[in-house]
Amino acid sequence: MHKKGLIKTTIVIIIALIILGYFGFNITDIINGPTVQANLHAAWDFISMVWNNYLSVPVVYVAGVVWKIIQTALPSK
């Protein structure tokens, strides 16, 4: 199993940004463009809908169960 490290990923992102800058792409202008902003807004709305309607209740339940298991496994003071 191959694990990619945080440092390697960071270096790759930095190199990609340098290359894009070399070819004249301004990431800030791209991200602040109206089309990209609309797409990011739509993606955020979708993620919020999935979290609120499907994931929040089971995730909170599982987190509570795991927390109770951790509390019972830890020695009390």
PDB file of N, CA and C in Angstrom:
ATOM      1  N   MET A   1       0.848  -1.179   0.000  1.00  0.00           N
ATOM      2  CA  MET A   1       0.000   0.000   0.000  1.00  0.00           C
ATOM      3  C   MET A   1       0.891   1.240   0.000  1.00  0.00           C
ATOM      4  N   HIS A   2       0.615   2.140  -0.940  1.00  0.00           N
ATOM      5  CA  HIS A   2       1.405   3.356  -1.050  1.00  0.00           C
ATOM      6  C   HIS A   2       0.716   4.490  -0.318  1.00  0.00           C
ATOM      7  N   LYS A   3       1.476   5.209   0.486  1.00  0.00           N
ATOM      8  CA  LYS A   3       0.937   6.367   1.199  1.00  0.00           C
ATOM      9  C   LYS A   3       1.615   7.614   0.647  1.00  0.00           C
ATOM     10  N   LYS A   4       0.812   8.610   0.325  1.00  0.00           N
ATOM     11  CA  LYS A   4       1.354   9.876  -0.137  1.00  0.00           C
ATOM     12  C   LYS A   4       1.419  10.812   1.049  1.00  0.00           C
ATOM     13  N   GLY A   5       2.549  11.424   1.221  1.00  0.00           N
ATOM     14  CA  GLY A   5       2.746  12.288   2.366  1.00  0.00           C
ATOM     15  C   GLY A   5       2.253  13.698   2.126  1.00  0.00           C
ATOM     16  N   LEU A   6       2.029  14.383   3.209  1.00  0.00           N
ATOM     17  CA  LEU A   6       1.576  15.763   3.165  1.00  0.00           C
ATOM     18  C   LEU A   6       2.631  16.659   2.528  1.00  0.00           C
ATOM     19  N   ILE A   7       3.888  16.416   2.841  1.00  0.00           N
ATOM     20  CA  ILE A   7       4.965  17.245   2.297  1.00  0.00           C
ATOM     21  C   ILE A   7       5.054  17.064   0.787  1.00  0.00           C
ATOM     22  N   LYS A   8       4.959  15.831   0.314  1.00  0.00           N
ATOM     23  CA  LYS A   8       5.022  15.562  -1.123  1.00  0.00           C
ATOM     24  C   LYS A   8       3.869  16.245  -1.843  1.00  0.00           C
ATOM     25  N   THR A   9       2.672  16.143  -1.290  1.00  0.00           N
ATOM     26  CA  THR A   9       1.502  16.775  -1.902  1.00  0.00           C
ATOM     27  C   THR A   9       1.669  18.290  -1.929  1.00  0.00           C
ATOM     28  N   THR A  10       2.173  18.862  -0.849  1.00  0.00           N
ATOM     29  CA  THR A  10       2.386  20.306  -0.779  1.00  0.00           C
ATOM     30  C   THR A  10       3.390  20.757  -1.838  1.00  0.00           C
ATOM     31  N   ILE A  11       4.465  20.005  -1.980  1.00  0.00           N
ATOM     32  CA  ILE A  11       5.491  20.349  -2.972  1.00  0.00           C
ATOM     33  C   ILE A  11       4.912  20.279  -4.385  1.00  0.00           C
ATOM     34  N   VAL A  12       4.123  19.260  -4.673  1.00  0.00           N
ATOM     35  CA  VAL A  12       3.509  19.134  -5.996  1.00  0.00           C
ATOM     36  C   VAL A  12       2.579  20.309  -6.274  1.00  0.00           C
ATOM     37  N   ILE A  13       1.784  20.717  -5.278  1.00  0.00           N
ATOM     38  CA  ILE A  13       0.879  21.860  -5.453  1.00  0.00           C
ATOM     39  C   ILE A  13       1.667  23.141  -5.699  1.00  0.00           C
ATOM     40  N   ILE A  14       2.734  23.340  -4.951  1.00  0.00           N
ATOM     41  CA  ILE A  14       3.561  24.536  -5.129  1.00  0.00           C
ATOM     42  C   ILE A  14       4.178  24.558  -6.524  1.00  0.00           C
ATOM     43  N   ILE A  15       4.692  23.425  -6.973  1.00  0.00           N
ATOM     44  CA  ILE A  15       5.291  23.350  -8.314  1.00  0.00           C
ATOM     45  C   ILE A  15       4.230  23.640  -9.381  1.00  0.00           C
ATOM     46  N   ALA A  16       3.023  23.077  -9.203  1.00  0.00           N
ATOM     47  CA  ALA A  16       1.941  23.329 -10.162  1.00  0.00           C
ATOM     48  C   ALA A  16       1.595  24.813 -10.206  1.00  0.00           C
ATOM     49  N   LEU A  17       1.541  25.460  -9.046  1.00  0.00           N
ATOM     50  CA  LEU A  17       1.242  26.898  -9.014  1.00  0.00           C
ATOM     51  C   LEU A  17       2.335  27.717  -9.684  1.00  0.00           C
ATOM     52  N   ILE A  18       3.589  27.310  -9.500  1.00  0.00           N
ATOM     53  CA  ILE A  18       4.703  28.007 -10.151  1.00  0.00           C
ATOM     54  C   ILE A  18       4.604  27.864 -11.672  1.00  0.00           C
ATOM     55  N   ILE A  19       4.292  26.655 -12.123  1.00  0.00           N
ATOM     56  CA  ILE A  19       4.170  26.421 -13.569  1.00  0.00           C
ATOM     57  C   ILE A  19       3.011  27.229 -14.141  1.00  0.00           C
ATOM     58  N   LEU A  20       1.869  27.235 -13.456  1.00  0.00           N
ATOM     59  CA  LEU A  20       0.742  28.035 -13.928  1.00  0.00           C
ATOM     60  C   LEU A  20       1.100  29.520 -13.982  1.00  0.00           C
ATOM     61  N   GLY A  21       1.803  30.002 -12.973  1.00  0.00           N
ATOM     62  CA  GLY A  21       2.237  31.394 -12.970  1.00  0.00           C
ATOM     63  C   GLY A  21       3.204  31.692 -14.104  1.00  0.00           C
ATOM     64  N   TYR A  22       4.071  30.753 -14.412  1.00  0.00           N
ATOM     65  CA  TYR A  22       5.028  30.922 -15.507  1.00  0.00           C
ATOM     66  C   TYR A  22       4.304  31.095 -16.842  1.00  0.00           C
ATOM     67  N   PHE A  23       3.207  30.366 -17.020  1.00  0.00           N
ATOM     68  CA  PHE A  23       2.457  30.458 -18.265  1.00  0.00           C
ATOM     69  C   PHE A  23       1.407  31.574 -18.251  1.00  0.00           C
ATOM     70  N   GLY A  24       1.411  32.400 -17.204  1.00  0.00           N
ATOM     71  CA  GLY A  24       0.580  33.589 -17.185  1.00  0.00           C
ATOM     72  C   GLY A  24      -0.800  33.424 -16.573  1.00  0.00           C
ATOM     73  N   PHE A  25      -1.045  32.304 -15.913  1.00  0.00           N
ATOM     74  CA  PHE A  25      -2.349  32.114 -15.269  1.00  0.00           C
ATOM     75  C   PHE A  25      -2.325  32.742 -13.884  1.00  0.00           C
ATOM     76  N   ASN A  26      -3.353  33.544 -13.582  1.00  0.00           N
ATOM     77  CA  ASN A  26      -3.490  34.150 -12.269  1.00  0.00           C
ATOM     78  C   ASN A  26      -4.603  33.395 -11.538  1.00  0.00           C
ATOM     79  N   ILE A  27      -4.225  32.605 -10.541  1.00  0.00           N
ATOM     80  CA  ILE A  27      -5.177  31.759  -9.827  1.00  0.00           C
ATOM     81  C   ILE A  27      -6.253  32.603  -9.140  1.00  0.00           C
ATOM     82  N   THR A  28      -5.877  33.752  -8.606  1.00  0.00           N
ATOM     83  CA  THR A  28      -6.842  34.612  -7.918  1.00  0.00           C
ATOM     84  C   THR A  28      -7.926  35.081  -8.878  1.00  0.00           C
ATOM     85  N   ASP A  29      -7.517  35.502 -10.078  1.00  0.00           N
ATOM     86  CA  ASP A  29      -8.508  35.937 -11.062  1.00  0.00           C
ATOM     87  C   ASP A  29      -9.416  34.787 -11.481  1.00  0.00           C
ATOM     88  N   ILE A  30      -8.843  33.602 -11.620  1.00  0.00           N
ATOM     89  CA  ILE A  30      -9.638  32.438 -12.015  1.00  0.00           C
ATOM     90  C   ILE A  30     -10.660  32.104 -10.933  1.00  0.00           C
ATOM     91  N   ILE A  31     -10.218  32.041  -9.678  1.00  0.00           N
ATOM     92  CA  ILE A  31     -11.109  31.669  -8.575  1.00  0.00           C
ATOM     93  C   ILE A  31     -12.184  32.730  -8.350  1.00  0.00           C
ATOM     94  N   ASN A  32     -11.845  33.988  -8.539  1.00  0.00           N
ATOM     95  CA  ASN A  32     -12.816  35.067  -8.319  1.00  0.00           C
ATOM     96  C   ASN A  32     -13.732  35.305  -9.509  1.00  0.00           C
ATOM     97  N   GLY A  33     -13.554  34.558 -10.577  1.00  0.00           N
ATOM     98  CA  GLY A  33     -14.424  34.710 -11.749  1.00  0.00           C
ATOM     99  C   GLY A  33     -15.856  34.309 -11.412  1.00  0.00           C
ATOM    100  N   PRO A  34     -16.821  34.928 -12.080  1.00  0.00           N
ATOM    101  CA  PRO A  34     -18.223  34.660 -11.744  1.00  0.00           C
ATOM    102  C   PRO A  34     -18.643  33.211 -11.993  1.00  0.00           C
ATOM    103  N   THR A  35     -18.119  32.585 -13.027  1.00  0.00           N
ATOM    104  CA  THR A  35     -18.491  31.198 -13.318  1.00  0.00           C
ATOM    105  C   THR A  35     -17.958  30.260 -12.251  1.00  0.00           C
ATOM    106  N   VAL A  36     -16.701  30.466 -11.866  1.00  0.00           N
ATOM    107  CA  VAL A  36     -16.108  29.615 -10.827  1.00  0.00           C
ATOM    108  C   VAL A  36     -16.815  29.837  -9.500  1.00  0.00           C
ATOM    109  N   GLN A  37     -17.134  31.066  -9.176  1.00  0.00           N
ATOM    110  CA  GLN A  37     -17.853  31.349  -7.932  1.00  0.00           C
ATOM    111  C   GLN A  37     -19.222  30.682  -7.926  1.00  0.00           C
ATOM    112  N   ALA A  38     -19.911  30.716  -9.054  1.00  0.00           N
ATOM    113  CA  ALA A  38     -21.210  30.059  -9.142  1.00  0.00           C
ATOM    114  C   ALA A  38     -21.060  28.549  -8.965  1.00  0.00           C
ATOM    115  N   ASN A  39     -20.024  27.965  -9.569  1.00  0.00           N
ATOM    116  CA  ASN A  39     -19.794  26.528  -9.427  1.00  0.00           C
ATOM    117  C   ASN A  39     -19.442  26.158  -7.991  1.00  0.00           C
ATOM    118  N   LEU A  40     -18.603  26.962  -7.344  1.00  0.00           N
ATOM    119  CA  LEU A  40     -18.244  26.695  -5.955  1.00  0.00           C
ATOM    120  C   LEU A  40     -19.463  26.825  -5.048  1.00  0.00           C
ATOM    121  N   HIS A  41     -20.302  27.798  -5.318  1.00  0.00           N
ATOM    122  CA  HIS A  41     -21.527  27.985  -4.531  1.00  0.00           C
ATOM    123  C   HIS A  41     -22.456  26.785  -4.698  1.00  0.00           C
ATOM    124  N   ALA A  42     -22.585  26.310  -5.931  1.00  0.00           N
ATOM    125  CA  ALA A  42     -23.446  25.144  -6.188  1.00  0.00           C
ATOM    126  C   ALA A  42     -22.888  23.903  -5.498  1.00  0.00           C
ATOM    127  N   ALA A  43     -21.574  23.727  -5.542  1.00  0.00           N
ATOM    128  CA  ALA A  43     -20.953  22.576  -4.875  1.00  0.00           C
ATOM    129  C   ALA A  43     -21.166  22.655  -3.368  1.00  0.00           C
ATOM    130  N   TRP A  44     -21.010  23.845  -2.797  1.00  0.00           N
ATOM    131  CA  TRP A  44     -21.209  24.016  -1.354  1.00  0.00           C
ATOM    132  C   TRP A  44     -22.666  23.742  -0.964  1.00  0.00           C
ATOM    133  N   ASP A  45     -23.593  24.204  -1.785  1.00  0.00           N
ATOM    134  CA  ASP A  45     -25.008  23.929  -1.519  1.00  0.00           C
ATOM    135  C   ASP A  45     -25.280  22.427  -1.534  1.00  0.00           C
ATOM    136  N   PHE A  46     -24.686  21.715  -2.494  1.00  0.00           N
ATOM    137  CA  PHE A  46     -24.871  20.263  -2.585  1.00  0.00           C
ATOM    138  C   PHE A  46     -24.278  19.559  -1.364  1.00  0.00           C
ATOM    139  N   ILE A  47     -23.066  19.940  -0.983  1.00  0.00           N
ATOM    140  CA  ILE A  47     -22.417  19.331   0.186  1.00  0.00           C
ATOM    141  C   ILE A  47     -23.242  19.599   1.446  1.00  0.00           C
ATOM    142  N   SER A  48     -23.734  20.818   1.596  1.00  0.00           N
ATOM    143  CA  SER A  48     -24.563  21.154   2.762  1.00  0.00           C
ATOM    144  C   SER A  48     -25.844  20.333   2.784  1.00  0.00           C
ATOM    145  N   MET A  49     -26.464  20.156   1.621  1.00  0.00           N
ATOM    146  CA  MET A  49     -27.697  19.373   1.546  1.00  0.00           C
ATOM    147  C   MET A  49     -27.440  17.919   1.925  1.00  0.00           C
ATOM    148  N   VAL A  50     -26.348  17.336   1.417  1.00  0.00           N
ATOM    149  CA  VAL A  50     -26.028  15.947   1.735  1.00  0.00           C
ATOM    150  C   VAL A  50     -25.748  15.804   3.229  1.00  0.00           C
ATOM    151  N   TRP A  51     -24.985  16.734   3.800  1.00  0.00           N
ATOM    152  CA  TRP A  51     -24.678  16.665   5.220  1.00  0.00           C
ATOM    153  C   TRP A  51     -25.953  16.785   6.057  1.00  0.00           C
ATOM    154  N   ASN A  52     -26.759  17.799   5.772  1.00  0.00           N
ATOM    155  CA  ASN A  52     -27.954  18.057   6.582  1.00  0.00           C
ATOM    156  C   ASN A  52     -29.016  16.973   6.446  1.00  0.00           C
ATOM    157  N   ASN A  53     -29.172  16.411   5.259  1.00  0.00           N
ATOM    158  CA  ASN A  53     -30.261  15.473   5.014  1.00  0.00           C
ATOM    159  C   ASN A  53     -29.881  14.006   5.187  1.00  0.00           C
ATOM    160  N   TYR A  54     -28.607  13.667   5.057  1.00  0.00           N
ATOM    161  CA  TYR A  54     -28.233  12.256   5.056  1.00  0.00           C
ATOM    162  C   TYR A  54     -27.133  11.885   6.055  1.00  0.00           C
ATOM    163  N   LEU A  55     -26.151  12.731   6.236  1.00  0.00           N
ATOM    164  CA  LEU A  55     -24.966  12.318   6.986  1.00  0.00           C
ATOM    165  C   LEU A  55     -24.905  12.774   8.431  1.00  0.00           C
ATOM    166  N   SER A  56     -25.487  13.905   8.763  1.00  0.00           N
ATOM    167  CA  SER A  56     -25.275  14.464  10.098  1.00  0.00           C
ATOM    168  C   SER A  56     -25.769  13.543  11.204  1.00  0.00           C
ATOM    169  N   VAL A  57     -26.967  12.982  11.075  1.00  0.00           N
ATOM    170  CA  VAL A  57     -27.518  12.139  12.145  1.00  0.00           C
ATOM    171  C   VAL A  57     -26.672  10.881  12.360  1.00  0.00           C
ATOM    172  N   PRO A  58     -26.341  10.092  11.306  1.00  0.00           N
ATOM    173  CA  PRO A  58     -25.524   8.903  11.573  1.00  0.00           C
ATOM    174  C   PRO A  58     -24.107   9.230  12.053  1.00  0.00           C
ATOM    175  N   VAL A  59     -23.514  10.296  11.522  1.00  0.00           N
ATOM    176  CA  VAL A  59     -22.154  10.645  11.951  1.00  0.00           C
ATOM    177  C   VAL A  59     -22.148  11.064  13.413  1.00  0.00           C
ATOM    178  N   VAL A  60     -23.117  11.867  13.835  1.00  0.00           N
ATOM    179  CA  VAL A  60     -23.192  12.293  15.235  1.00  0.00           C
ATOM    180  C   VAL A  60     -23.460  11.084  16.137  1.00  0.00           C
ATOM    181  N   TYR A  61     -24.312  10.162  15.690  1.00  0.00           N
ATOM    182  CA  TYR A  61     -24.597   8.959  16.473  1.00  0.00           C
ATOM    183  C   TYR A  61     -23.336   8.108  16.648  1.00  0.00           C
ATOM    184  N   VAL A  62     -22.636   7.851  15.541  1.00  0.00           N
ATOM    185  CA  VAL A  62     -21.414   7.031  15.613  1.00  0.00           C
ATOM    186  C   VAL A  62     -20.365   7.729  16.467  1.00  0.00           C
ATOM    187  N   ALA A  63     -20.234   9.043  16.331  1.00  0.00           N
ATOM    188  CA  ALA A  63     -19.275   9.781  17.152  1.00  0.00           C
ATOM    189  C   ALA A  63     -19.618   9.652  18.630  1.00  0.00           C
ATOM    190  N   GLY A  64     -20.904   9.696  18.969  1.00  0.00           N
ATOM    191  CA  GLY A  64     -21.314   9.528  20.363  1.00  0.00           C
ATOM    192  C   GLY A  64     -20.996   8.146  20.890  1.00  0.00           C
ATOM    193  N   VAL A  65     -21.220   7.114  20.075  1.00  0.00           N
ATOM    194  CA  VAL A  65     -20.902   5.738  20.477  1.00  0.00           C
ATOM    195  C   VAL A  65     -19.400   5.581  20.681  1.00  0.00           C
ATOM    196  N   VAL A  66     -18.626   6.102  19.740  1.00  0.00           N
ATOM    197  CA  VAL A  66     -17.164   6.010  19.856  1.00  0.00           C
ATOM    198  C   VAL A  66     -16.691   6.757  21.093  1.00  0.00           C
ATOM    199  N   TRP A  67     -17.274   7.924  21.368  1.00  0.00           N
ATOM    200  CA  TRP A  67     -16.881   8.703  22.540  1.00  0.00           C
ATOM    201  C   TRP A  67     -17.180   7.926  23.834  1.00  0.00           C
ATOM    202  N   LYS A  68     -18.331   7.251  23.896  1.00  0.00           N
ATOM    203  CA  LYS A  68     -18.659   6.452  25.077  1.00  0.00           C
ATOM    204  C   LYS A  68     -17.694   5.284  25.240  1.00  0.00           C
ATOM    205  N   ILE A  69     -17.306   4.662  24.142  1.00  0.00           N
ATOM    206  CA  ILE A  69     -16.330   3.565  24.199  1.00  0.00           C
ATOM    207  C   ILE A  69     -14.993   4.069  24.710  1.00  0.00           C
ATOM    208  N   ILE A  70     -14.575   5.229  24.226  1.00  0.00           N
ATOM    209  CA  ILE A  70     -13.301   5.808  24.676  1.00  0.00           C
ATOM    210  C   ILE A  70     -13.380   6.141  26.165  1.00  0.00           C
ATOM    211  N   GLN A  71     -14.489   6.716  26.595  1.00  0.00           N
ATOM    212  CA  GLN A  71     -14.628   7.083  28.009  1.00  0.00           C
ATOM    213  C   GLN A  71     -14.591   5.847  28.910  1.00  0.00           C
ATOM    214  N   THR A  72     -15.212   4.748  28.490  1.00  0.00           N
ATOM    215  CA  THR A  72     -15.207   3.548  29.327  1.00  0.00           C
ATOM    216  C   THR A  72     -13.855   2.860  29.293  1.00  0.00           C
ATOM    217  N   ALA A  73     -13.096   3.042  28.217  1.00  0.00           N
ATOM    218  CA  ALA A  73     -11.786   2.389  28.117  1.00  0.00           C
ATOM    219  C   ALA A  73     -10.718   3.127  28.898  1.00  0.00           C
ATOM    220  N   LEU A  74     -10.896   4.437  29.100  1.00  0.00           N
ATOM    221  CA  LEU A  74      -9.905   5.225  29.818  1.00  0.00           C
ATOM    222  C   LEU A  74     -10.067   5.001  31.320  1.00  0.00           C
ATOM    223  N   PRO A  75      -8.943   4.921  32.023  1.00  0.00           N
ATOM    224  CA  PRO A  75      -9.054   4.767  33.471  1.00  0.00           C
ATOM    225  C   PRO A  75      -9.585   6.062  34.103  1.00  0.00           C
ATOM    226  N   SER A  76     -10.446   5.921  35.070  1.00  0.00           N
ATOM    227  CA  SER A  76     -10.992   7.097  35.742  1.00  0.00           C
ATOM    228  C   SER A  76     -10.015   7.573  36.801  1.00  0.00           C
ATOM    229  N   LYS A  77     -10.043   8.873  37.073  1.00  0.00           N
ATOM    230  CA  LYS A  77      -9.119   9.454  38.046  1.00  0.00           C
ATOM    231  C   LYS A  77      -9.647   9.321  39.439  1.00  0.00           C
TER     232      LYS A  77
END
